[in-house]
Amino acid sequence: MTPSMMATRNTLPLSTPATLMYVREKTSDVVKTDVVTASKPRNSTGSKLSRKMRELFQSGKSRKQEPSPSEKRESRKEAQRRQFVDSMAFVRTGFR
């Protein structure tokens, strides 16, 4: 028998209710749960990442330009074409 086997030969099984209660009582003194709940939530609005993201998104809004009338017309045509294709596909699946 090896030394590690001899050391564990007379130990109690950890899955019994009595040993679990014993372990719980011993660890409850060491770990304080109220310390975690007492901390205030962190305000991350001034963090470096949030400032960087704000800068990136603000610059994107200022660069957008109003589309020209021909671009508006083309986008409208494309939307109508897409809607027509979708409706035809829906009608064809109903015939099966």
PDB file of N, CA and C in Angstrom:
ATOM      1  N   MET A   1       0.847  -1.172   0.000  1.00  0.00           N
ATOM      2  CA  MET A   1       0.000   0.000   0.000  1.00  0.00           C
ATOM      3  C   MET A   1       0.899   1.243   0.000  1.00  0.00           C
ATOM      4  N   THR A   2       0.562   2.207  -0.848  1.00  0.00           N
ATOM      5  CA  THR A   2       1.377   3.413  -0.954  1.00  0.00           C
ATOM      6  C   THR A   2       1.039   4.373   0.178  1.00  0.00           C
ATOM      7  N   PRO A   3       1.920   5.308   0.459  1.00  0.00           N
ATOM      8  CA  PRO A   3       1.640   6.268   1.543  1.00  0.00           C
ATOM      9  C   PRO A   3       0.377   7.089   1.310  1.00  0.00           C
ATOM     10  N   SER A   4       0.086   7.450   0.057  1.00  0.00           N
ATOM     11  CA  SER A   4      -1.127   8.233  -0.195  1.00  0.00           C
ATOM     12  C   SER A   4      -2.378   7.404   0.059  1.00  0.00           C
ATOM     13  N   MET A   5      -2.316   6.116  -0.251  1.00  0.00           N
ATOM     14  CA  MET A   5      -3.458   5.248   0.023  1.00  0.00           C
ATOM     15  C   MET A   5      -3.647   5.065   1.523  1.00  0.00           C
ATOM     16  N   MET A   6      -2.554   4.980   2.266  1.00  0.00           N
ATOM     17  CA  MET A   6      -2.655   4.811   3.710  1.00  0.00           C
ATOM     18  C   MET A   6      -3.219   6.073   4.366  1.00  0.00           C
ATOM     19  N   ALA A   7      -2.910   7.238   3.802  1.00  0.00           N
ATOM     20  CA  ALA A   7      -3.402   8.487   4.378  1.00  0.00           C
ATOM     21  C   ALA A   7      -4.901   8.634   4.174  1.00  0.00           C
ATOM     22  N   THR A   8      -5.418   8.137   3.081  1.00  0.00           N
ATOM     23  CA  THR A   8      -6.845   8.283   2.790  1.00  0.00           C
ATOM     24  C   THR A   8      -7.670   7.084   3.222  1.00  0.00           C
ATOM     25  N   ARG A   9      -7.041   6.071   3.791  1.00  0.00           N
ATOM     26  CA  ARG A   9      -7.762   4.849   4.139  1.00  0.00           C
ATOM     27  C   ARG A   9      -8.801   5.092   5.229  1.00  0.00           C
ATOM     28  N   ASN A  10      -8.489   5.909   6.205  1.00  0.00           N
ATOM     29  CA  ASN A  10      -9.380   6.109   7.340  1.00  0.00           C
ATOM     30  C   ASN A  10     -10.152   7.429   7.286  1.00  0.00           C
ATOM     31  N   THR A  11     -10.157   8.099   6.155  1.00  0.00           N
ATOM     32  CA  THR A  11     -10.880   9.375   6.064  1.00  0.00           C
ATOM     33  C   THR A  11     -12.362   9.138   5.846  1.00  0.00           C
ATOM     34  N   LEU A  12     -13.147  10.099   6.229  1.00  0.00           N
ATOM     35  CA  LEU A  12     -14.588  10.007   6.041  1.00  0.00           C
ATOM     36  C   LEU A  12     -14.949  10.332   4.594  1.00  0.00           C
ATOM     37  N   PRO A  13     -15.986   9.715   4.081  1.00  0.00           N
ATOM     38  CA  PRO A  13     -16.420  10.076   2.728  1.00  0.00           C
ATOM     39  C   PRO A  13     -16.985  11.499   2.727  1.00  0.00           C
ATOM     40  N   LEU A  14     -16.723  12.237   1.660  1.00  0.00           N
ATOM     41  CA  LEU A  14     -17.136  13.645   1.612  1.00  0.00           C
ATOM     42  C   LEU A  14     -18.599  13.829   1.239  1.00  0.00           C
ATOM     43  N   SER A  15     -19.256  12.798   0.798  1.00  0.00           N
ATOM     44  CA  SER A  15     -20.620  12.975   0.314  1.00  0.00           C
ATOM     45  C   SER A  15     -21.688  12.752   1.374  1.00  0.00           C
ATOM     46  N   THR A  16     -21.341  12.471   2.598  1.00  0.00           N
ATOM     47  CA  THR A  16     -22.361  12.289   3.633  1.00  0.00           C
ATOM     48  C   THR A  16     -22.852  13.653   4.112  1.00  0.00           C
ATOM     49  N   PRO A  17     -24.076  13.737   4.551  1.00  0.00           N
ATOM     50  CA  PRO A  17     -24.610  15.032   5.007  1.00  0.00           C
ATOM     51  C   PRO A  17     -23.839  15.625   6.179  1.00  0.00           C
ATOM     52  N   ALA A  18     -23.333  14.775   7.057  1.00  0.00           N
ATOM     53  CA  ALA A  18     -22.610  15.293   8.218  1.00  0.00           C
ATOM     54  C   ALA A  18     -21.308  15.965   7.803  1.00  0.00           C
ATOM     55  N   THR A  19     -20.566  15.346   6.901  1.00  0.00           N
ATOM     56  CA  THR A  19     -19.299  15.950   6.479  1.00  0.00           C
ATOM     57  C   THR A  19     -19.542  17.202   5.648  1.00  0.00           C
ATOM     58  N   LEU A  20     -20.606  17.201   4.856  1.00  0.00           N
ATOM     59  CA  LEU A  20     -20.917  18.399   4.079  1.00  0.00           C
ATOM     60  C   LEU A  20     -21.286  19.561   4.984  1.00  0.00           C
ATOM     61  N   MET A  21     -22.040  19.289   6.043  1.00  0.00           N
ATOM     62  CA  MET A  21     -22.371  20.339   7.008  1.00  0.00           C
ATOM     63  C   MET A  21     -21.119  20.832   7.722  1.00  0.00           C
ATOM     64  N   TYR A  22     -20.215  19.915   8.037  1.00  0.00           N
ATOM     65  CA  TYR A  22     -18.970  20.293   8.707  1.00  0.00           C
ATOM     66  C   TYR A  22     -18.137  21.210   7.809  1.00  0.00           C
ATOM     67  N   VAL A  23     -18.009  20.842   6.551  1.00  0.00           N
ATOM     68  CA  VAL A  23     -17.235  21.659   5.612  1.00  0.00           C
ATOM     69  C   VAL A  23     -17.901  23.018   5.430  1.00  0.00           C
ATOM     70  N   ARG A  24     -19.223  23.025   5.374  1.00  0.00           N
ATOM     71  CA  ARG A  24     -19.938  24.292   5.198  1.00  0.00           C
ATOM     72  C   ARG A  24     -19.747  25.209   6.398  1.00  0.00           C
ATOM     73  N   GLU A  25     -19.789  24.653   7.589  1.00  0.00           N
ATOM     74  CA  GLU A  25     -19.591  25.464   8.788  1.00  0.00           C
ATOM     75  C   GLU A  25     -18.180  26.026   8.849  1.00  0.00           C
ATOM     76  N   LYS A  26     -17.204  25.236   8.451  1.00  0.00           N
ATOM     77  CA  LYS A  26     -15.813  25.694   8.496  1.00  0.00           C
ATOM     78  C   LYS A  26     -15.551  26.783   7.459  1.00  0.00           C
ATOM     79  N   THR A  27     -16.130  26.643   6.286  1.00  0.00           N
ATOM     80  CA  THR A  27     -15.871  27.634   5.237  1.00  0.00           C
ATOM     81  C   THR A  27     -16.713  28.884   5.396  1.00  0.00           C
ATOM     82  N   SER A  28     -17.809  28.822   6.126  1.00  0.00           N
ATOM     83  CA  SER A  28     -18.645  30.010   6.273  1.00  0.00           C
ATOM     84  C   SER A  28     -17.944  31.092   7.085  1.00  0.00           C
ATOM     85  N   ASP A  29     -17.060  30.702   7.988  1.00  0.00           N
ATOM     86  CA  ASP A  29     -16.313  31.689   8.762  1.00  0.00           C
ATOM     87  C   ASP A  29     -15.235  32.356   7.922  1.00  0.00           C
ATOM     88  N   VAL A  30     -14.688  31.626   6.987  1.00  0.00           N
ATOM     89  CA  VAL A  30     -13.584  32.138   6.181  1.00  0.00           C
ATOM     90  C   VAL A  30     -14.092  33.085   5.098  1.00  0.00           C
ATOM     91  N   VAL A  31     -15.151  32.707   4.393  1.00  0.00           N
ATOM     92  CA  VAL A  31     -15.666  33.493   3.276  1.00  0.00           C
ATOM     93  C   VAL A  31     -16.843  34.325   3.758  1.00  0.00           C
ATOM     94  N   LYS A  32     -16.736  35.616   3.614  1.00  0.00           N
ATOM     95  CA  LYS A  32     -17.821  36.513   4.002  1.00  0.00           C
ATOM     96  C   LYS A  32     -18.557  36.935   2.733  1.00  0.00           C
ATOM     97  N   THR A  33     -19.826  36.617   2.661  1.00  0.00           N
ATOM     98  CA  THR A  33     -20.592  36.921   1.455  1.00  0.00           C
ATOM     99  C   THR A  33     -21.084  38.358   1.418  1.00  0.00           C
ATOM    100  N   ASP A  34     -21.214  39.012   2.566  1.00  0.00           N
ATOM    101  CA  ASP A  34     -21.729  40.376   2.567  1.00  0.00           C
ATOM    102  C   ASP A  34     -20.720  41.381   2.032  1.00  0.00           C
ATOM    103  N   VAL A  35     -19.455  41.004   1.945  1.00  0.00           N
ATOM    104  CA  VAL A  35     -18.437  41.900   1.401  1.00  0.00           C
ATOM    105  C   VAL A  35     -18.669  42.110  -0.088  1.00  0.00           C
ATOM    106  N   VAL A  36     -19.069  41.070  -0.776  1.00  0.00           N
ATOM    107  CA  VAL A  36     -19.293  41.164  -2.212  1.00  0.00           C
ATOM    108  C   VAL A  36     -20.505  42.032  -2.512  1.00  0.00           C
ATOM    109  N   THR A  37     -21.555  41.909  -1.739  1.00  0.00           N
ATOM    110  CA  THR A  37     -22.768  42.677  -2.014  1.00  0.00           C
ATOM    111  C   THR A  37     -22.659  44.131  -1.571  1.00  0.00           C
ATOM    112  N   ALA A  38     -21.703  44.447  -0.715  1.00  0.00           N
ATOM    113  CA  ALA A  38     -21.589  45.810  -0.215  1.00  0.00           C
ATOM    114  C   ALA A  38     -20.888  46.736  -1.203  1.00  0.00           C
ATOM    115  N   SER A  39     -20.216  46.189  -2.209  1.00  0.00           N
ATOM    116  CA  SER A  39     -19.497  47.052  -3.143  1.00  0.00           C
ATOM    117  C   SER A  39     -20.484  47.768  -4.058  1.00  0.00           C
ATOM    118  N   LYS A  40     -20.154  48.988  -4.421  1.00  0.00           N
ATOM    119  CA  LYS A  40     -21.016  49.793  -5.272  1.00  0.00           C
ATOM    120  C   LYS A  40     -20.788  49.413  -6.730  1.00  0.00           C
ATOM    121  N   PRO A  41     -21.803  49.554  -7.572  1.00  0.00           N
ATOM    122  CA  PRO A  41     -21.600  49.272  -8.990  1.00  0.00           C
ATOM    123  C   PRO A  41     -20.632  50.282  -9.601  1.00  0.00           C
ATOM    124  N   ARG A  42     -19.843  49.801 -10.523  1.00  0.00           N
ATOM    125  CA  ARG A  42     -18.809  50.631 -11.112  1.00  0.00           C
ATOM    126  C   ARG A  42     -19.389  51.505 -12.218  1.00  0.00           C
ATOM    127  N   ASN A  43     -19.031  52.757 -12.225  1.00  0.00           N
ATOM    128  CA  ASN A  43     -19.467  53.682 -13.257  1.00  0.00           C
ATOM    129  C   ASN A  43     -18.414  53.680 -14.356  1.00  0.00           C
ATOM    130  N   SER A  44     -18.774  53.122 -15.512  1.00  0.00           N
ATOM    131  CA  SER A  44     -17.788  52.971 -16.575  1.00  0.00           C
ATOM    132  C   SER A  44     -17.951  54.008 -17.678  1.00  0.00           C
ATOM    133  N   THR A  45     -18.711  55.072 -17.439  1.00  0.00           N
ATOM    134  CA  THR A  45     -18.920  56.048 -18.504  1.00  0.00           C
ATOM    135  C   THR A  45     -17.658  56.833 -18.816  1.00  0.00           C
ATOM    136  N   GLY A  46     -16.754  56.931 -17.865  1.00  0.00           N
ATOM    137  CA  GLY A  46     -15.535  57.680 -18.112  1.00  0.00           C
ATOM    138  C   GLY A  46     -14.354  56.806 -18.453  1.00  0.00           C
ATOM    139  N   SER A  47     -14.585  55.517 -18.665  1.00  0.00           N
ATOM    140  CA  SER A  47     -13.468  54.626 -18.951  1.00  0.00           C
ATOM    141  C   SER A  47     -12.923  54.893 -20.348  1.00  0.00           C
ATOM    142  N   LYS A  48     -11.742  54.402 -20.573  1.00  0.00           N
ATOM    143  CA  LYS A  48     -11.055  54.654 -21.830  1.00  0.00           C
ATOM    144  C   LYS A  48     -11.812  54.044 -23.006  1.00  0.00           C
ATOM    145  N   LEU A  49     -12.324  52.828 -22.833  1.00  0.00           N
ATOM    146  CA  LEU A  49     -13.039  52.159 -23.911  1.00  0.00           C
ATOM    147  C   LEU A  49     -14.321  52.898 -24.275  1.00  0.00           C
ATOM    148  N   SER A  50     -15.082  53.325 -23.283  1.00  0.00           N
ATOM    149  CA  SER A  50     -16.337  54.008 -23.594  1.00  0.00           C
ATOM    150  C   SER A  50     -16.081  55.358 -24.257  1.00  0.00           C
ATOM    151  N   ARG A  51     -15.028  56.044 -23.845  1.00  0.00           N
ATOM    152  CA  ARG A  51     -14.699  57.315 -24.513  1.00  0.00           C
ATOM    153  C   ARG A  51     -14.305  57.080 -25.960  1.00  0.00           C
ATOM    154  N   LYS A  52     -13.530  56.018 -26.203  1.00  0.00           N
ATOM    155  CA  LYS A  52     -13.099  55.705 -27.560  1.00  0.00           C
ATOM    156  C   LYS A  52     -14.305  55.355 -28.436  1.00  0.00           C
ATOM    157  N   MET A  53     -15.228  54.557 -27.897  1.00  0.00           N
ATOM    158  CA  MET A  53     -16.410  54.184 -28.666  1.00  0.00           C
ATOM    159  C   MET A  53     -17.278  55.403 -28.955  1.00  0.00           C
ATOM    160  N   ARG A  54     -17.402  56.292 -27.994  1.00  0.00           N
ATOM    161  CA  ARG A  54     -18.190  57.501 -28.200  1.00  0.00           C
ATOM    162  C   ARG A  54     -17.574  58.350 -29.307  1.00  0.00           C
ATOM    163  N   GLU A  55     -16.260  58.464 -29.316  1.00  0.00           N
ATOM    164  CA  GLU A  55     -15.590  59.233 -30.365  1.00  0.00           C
ATOM    165  C   GLU A  55     -15.809  58.608 -31.729  1.00  0.00           C
ATOM    166  N   LEU A  56     -15.722  57.298 -31.796  1.00  0.00           N
ATOM    167  CA  LEU A  56     -15.886  56.621 -33.079  1.00  0.00           C
ATOM    168  C   LEU A  56     -17.292  56.798 -33.630  1.00  0.00           C
ATOM    169  N   PHE A  57     -18.296  56.642 -32.790  1.00  0.00           N
ATOM    170  CA  PHE A  57     -19.659  56.730 -33.279  1.00  0.00           C
ATOM    171  C   PHE A  57     -20.094  58.158 -33.550  1.00  0.00           C
ATOM    172  N   GLN A  58     -19.574  59.124 -32.849  1.00  0.00           N
ATOM    173  CA  GLN A  58     -19.927  60.514 -33.132  1.00  0.00           C
ATOM    174  C   GLN A  58     -19.340  60.958 -34.459  1.00  0.00           C
ATOM    175  N   SER A  59     -18.141  60.511 -34.771  1.00  0.00           N
ATOM    176  CA  SER A  59     -17.542  60.911 -36.038  1.00  0.00           C
ATOM    177  C   SER A  59     -18.277  60.276 -37.206  1.00  0.00           C
ATOM    178  N   GLY A  60     -18.834  59.094 -37.024  1.00  0.00           N
ATOM    179  CA  GLY A  60     -19.587  58.439 -38.091  1.00  0.00           C
ATOM    180  C   GLY A  60     -20.868  59.172 -38.409  1.00  0.00           C
ATOM    181  N   LYS A  61     -21.499  59.755 -37.420  1.00  0.00           N
ATOM    182  CA  LYS A  61     -22.743  60.480 -37.645  1.00  0.00           C
ATOM    183  C   LYS A  61     -22.494  61.783 -38.397  1.00  0.00           C
ATOM    184  N   SER A  62     -21.386  62.419 -38.136  1.00  0.00           N
ATOM    185  CA  SER A  62     -21.124  63.698 -38.785  1.00  0.00           C
ATOM    186  C   SER A  62     -20.719  63.517 -40.242  1.00  0.00           C
ATOM    187  N   ARG A  63     -20.195  62.322 -40.595  1.00  0.00           N
ATOM    188  CA  ARG A  63     -19.745  62.099 -41.963  1.00  0.00           C
ATOM    189  C   ARG A  63     -20.867  61.697 -42.911  1.00  0.00           C
ATOM    190  N   LYS A  64     -22.027  61.285 -42.394  1.00  0.00           N
ATOM    191  CA  LYS A  64     -23.108  60.856 -43.268  1.00  0.00           C
ATOM    192  C   LYS A  64     -23.666  62.052 -44.022  1.00  0.00           C
ATOM    193  N   GLN A  65     -23.920  61.819 -45.305  1.00  0.00           N
ATOM    194  CA  GLN A  65     -24.485  62.873 -46.137  1.00  0.00           C
ATOM    195  C   GLN A  65     -25.854  62.431 -46.629  1.00  0.00           C
ATOM    196  N   GLU A  66     -26.636  63.388 -47.012  1.00  0.00           N
ATOM    197  CA  GLU A  66     -27.958  63.101 -47.552  1.00  0.00           C
ATOM    198  C   GLU A  66     -27.792  62.464 -48.934  1.00  0.00           C
ATOM    199  N   PRO A  67     -28.462  61.329 -49.191  1.00  0.00           N
ATOM    200  CA  PRO A  67     -28.322  60.701 -50.514  1.00  0.00           C
ATOM    201  C   PRO A  67     -28.970  61.559 -51.597  1.00  0.00           C
ATOM    202  N   SER A  68     -28.422  61.460 -52.777  1.00  0.00           N
ATOM    203  CA  SER A  68     -28.954  62.236 -53.896  1.00  0.00           C
ATOM    204  C   SER A  68     -30.300  61.639 -54.323  1.00  0.00           C
ATOM    205  N   PRO A  69     -31.094  62.403 -55.089  1.00  0.00           N
ATOM    206  CA  PRO A  69     -32.404  61.883 -55.534  1.00  0.00           C
ATOM    207  C   PRO A  69     -32.293  60.590 -56.343  1.00  0.00           C
ATOM    208  N   SER A  70     -31.255  60.466 -57.156  1.00  0.00           N
ATOM    209  CA  SER A  70     -31.112  59.230 -57.934  1.00  0.00           C
ATOM    210  C   SER A  70     -30.790  58.046 -57.020  1.00  0.00           C
ATOM    211  N   GLU A  71     -30.000  58.272 -55.977  1.00  0.00           N
ATOM    212  CA  GLU A  71     -29.700  57.197 -55.030  1.00  0.00           C
ATOM    213  C   GLU A  71     -30.952  56.794 -54.262  1.00  0.00           C
ATOM    214  N   LYS A  72     -31.786  57.786 -53.907  1.00  0.00           N
ATOM    215  CA  LYS A  72     -33.043  57.478 -53.227  1.00  0.00           C
ATOM    216  C   LYS A  72     -33.936  56.616 -54.119  1.00  0.00           C
ATOM    217  N   ARG A  73     -34.011  56.993 -55.400  1.00  0.00           N
ATOM    218  CA  ARG A  73     -34.844  56.267 -56.344  1.00  0.00           C
ATOM    219  C   ARG A  73     -34.353  54.829 -56.502  1.00  0.00           C
ATOM    220  N   GLU A  74     -33.038  54.664 -56.610  1.00  0.00           N
ATOM    221  CA  GLU A  74     -32.466  53.322 -56.763  1.00  0.00           C
ATOM    222  C   GLU A  74     -32.710  52.465 -55.527  1.00  0.00           C
ATOM    223  N   SER A  75     -32.588  53.057 -54.357  1.00  0.00           N
ATOM    224  CA  SER A  75     -32.824  52.282 -53.140  1.00  0.00           C
ATOM    225  C   SER A  75     -34.297  51.893 -53.021  1.00  0.00           C
ATOM    226  N   ARG A  76     -35.184  52.781 -53.452  1.00  0.00           N
ATOM    227  CA  ARG A  76     -36.612  52.466 -53.436  1.00  0.00           C
ATOM    228  C   ARG A  76     -36.925  51.337 -54.420  1.00  0.00           C
ATOM    229  N   LYS A  77     -36.306  51.399 -55.616  1.00  0.00           N
ATOM    230  CA  LYS A  77     -36.508  50.342 -56.606  1.00  0.00           C
ATOM    231  C   LYS A  77     -36.009  49.003 -56.074  1.00  0.00           C
ATOM    232  N   GLU A  78     -34.862  49.031 -55.441  1.00  0.00           N
ATOM    233  CA  GLU A  78     -34.289  47.800 -54.893  1.00  0.00           C
ATOM    234  C   GLU A  78     -35.187  47.217 -53.806  1.00  0.00           C
ATOM    235  N   ALA A  79     -35.753  48.064 -52.975  1.00  0.00           N
ATOM    236  CA  ALA A  79     -36.653  47.589 -51.921  1.00  0.00           C
ATOM    237  C   ALA A  79     -37.915  46.981 -52.523  1.00  0.00           C
ATOM    238  N   GLN A  80     -38.472  47.617 -53.557  1.00  0.00           N
ATOM    239  CA  GLN A  80     -39.664  47.075 -54.206  1.00  0.00           C
ATOM    240  C   GLN A  80     -39.352  45.753 -54.895  1.00  0.00           C
ATOM    241  N   ARG A  81     -38.194  45.667 -55.537  1.00  0.00           N
ATOM    242  CA  ARG A  81     -37.787  44.437 -56.212  1.00  0.00           C
ATOM    243  C   ARG A  81     -37.626  43.301 -55.201  1.00  0.00           C
ATOM    244  N   ARG A  82     -37.012  43.597 -54.073  1.00  0.00           N
ATOM    245  CA  ARG A  82     -36.817  42.590 -53.028  1.00  0.00           C
ATOM    246  C   ARG A  82     -38.160  42.129 -52.468  1.00  0.00           C
ATOM    247  N   GLN A  83     -39.082  43.078 -52.271  1.00  0.00           N
ATOM    248  CA  GLN A  83     -40.404  42.733 -51.755  1.00  0.00           C
ATOM    249  C   GLN A  83     -41.164  41.872 -52.761  1.00  0.00           C
ATOM    250  N   PHE A  84     -41.040  42.176 -54.049  1.00  0.00           N
ATOM    251  CA  PHE A  84     -41.714  41.393 -55.083  1.00  0.00           C
ATOM    252  C   PHE A  84     -41.178  39.965 -55.118  1.00  0.00           C
ATOM    253  N   VAL A  85     -39.868  39.818 -55.063  1.00  0.00           N
ATOM    254  CA  VAL A  85     -39.265  38.484 -55.087  1.00  0.00           C
ATOM    255  C   VAL A  85     -39.694  37.682 -53.864  1.00  0.00           C
ATOM    256  N   ASP A  86     -39.720  38.311 -52.709  1.00  0.00           N
ATOM    257  CA  ASP A  86     -40.153  37.616 -51.493  1.00  0.00           C
ATOM    258  C   ASP A  86     -41.613  37.185 -51.589  1.00  0.00           C
ATOM    259  N   SER A  87     -42.465  38.053 -52.123  1.00  0.00           N
ATOM    260  CA  SER A  87     -43.885  37.701 -52.221  1.00  0.00           C
ATOM    261  C   SER A  87     -44.101  36.580 -53.231  1.00  0.00           C
ATOM    262  N   MET A  88     -43.361  36.593 -54.346  1.00  0.00           N
ATOM    263  CA  MET A  88     -43.482  35.511 -55.329  1.00  0.00           C
ATOM    264  C   MET A  88     -43.004  34.187 -54.742  1.00  0.00           C
ATOM    265  N   ALA A  89     -41.951  34.223 -53.961  1.00  0.00           N
ATOM    266  CA  ALA A  89     -41.471  32.999 -53.318  1.00  0.00           C
ATOM    267  C   ALA A  89     -42.512  32.475 -52.338  1.00  0.00           C
ATOM    268  N   PHE A  90     -43.184  33.365 -51.634  1.00  0.00           N
ATOM    269  CA  PHE A  90     -44.226  32.952 -50.695  1.00  0.00           C
ATOM    270  C   PHE A  90     -45.400  32.320 -51.436  1.00  0.00           C
ATOM    271  N   VAL A  91     -45.790  32.909 -52.563  1.00  0.00           N
ATOM    272  CA  VAL A  91     -46.904  32.377 -53.345  1.00  0.00           C
ATOM    273  C   VAL A  91     -46.548  31.002 -53.891  1.00  0.00           C
ATOM    274  N   ARG A  92     -45.331  30.838 -54.392  1.00  0.00           N
ATOM    275  CA  ARG A  92     -44.921  29.553 -54.969  1.00  0.00           C
ATOM    276  C   ARG A  92     -44.831  28.455 -53.923  1.00  0.00           C
ATOM    277  N   THR A  93     -44.449  28.785 -52.720  1.00  0.00           N
ATOM    278  CA  THR A  93     -44.397  27.750 -51.683  1.00  0.00           C
ATOM    279  C   THR A  93     -45.798  27.329 -51.272  1.00  0.00           C
ATOM    280  N   GLY A  94     -46.804  28.158 -51.511  1.00  0.00           N
ATOM    281  CA  GLY A  94     -48.176  27.794 -51.186  1.00  0.00           C
ATOM    282  C   GLY A  94     -48.768  26.787 -52.155  1.00  0.00           C
ATOM    283  N   PHE A  95     -48.208  26.660 -53.366  1.00  0.00           N
ATOM    284  CA  PHE A  95     -48.735  25.729 -54.362  1.00  0.00           C
ATOM    285  C   PHE A  95     -48.250  24.304 -54.149  1.00  0.00           C
ATOM    286  N   ARG A  96     -47.310  24.062 -53.302  1.00  0.00           N
ATOM    287  CA  ARG A  96     -46.768  22.704 -53.108  1.00  0.00           C
ATOM    288  C   ARG A  96     -47.719  21.807 -52.406  1.00  0.00           C
TER     289      ARG A  96
END
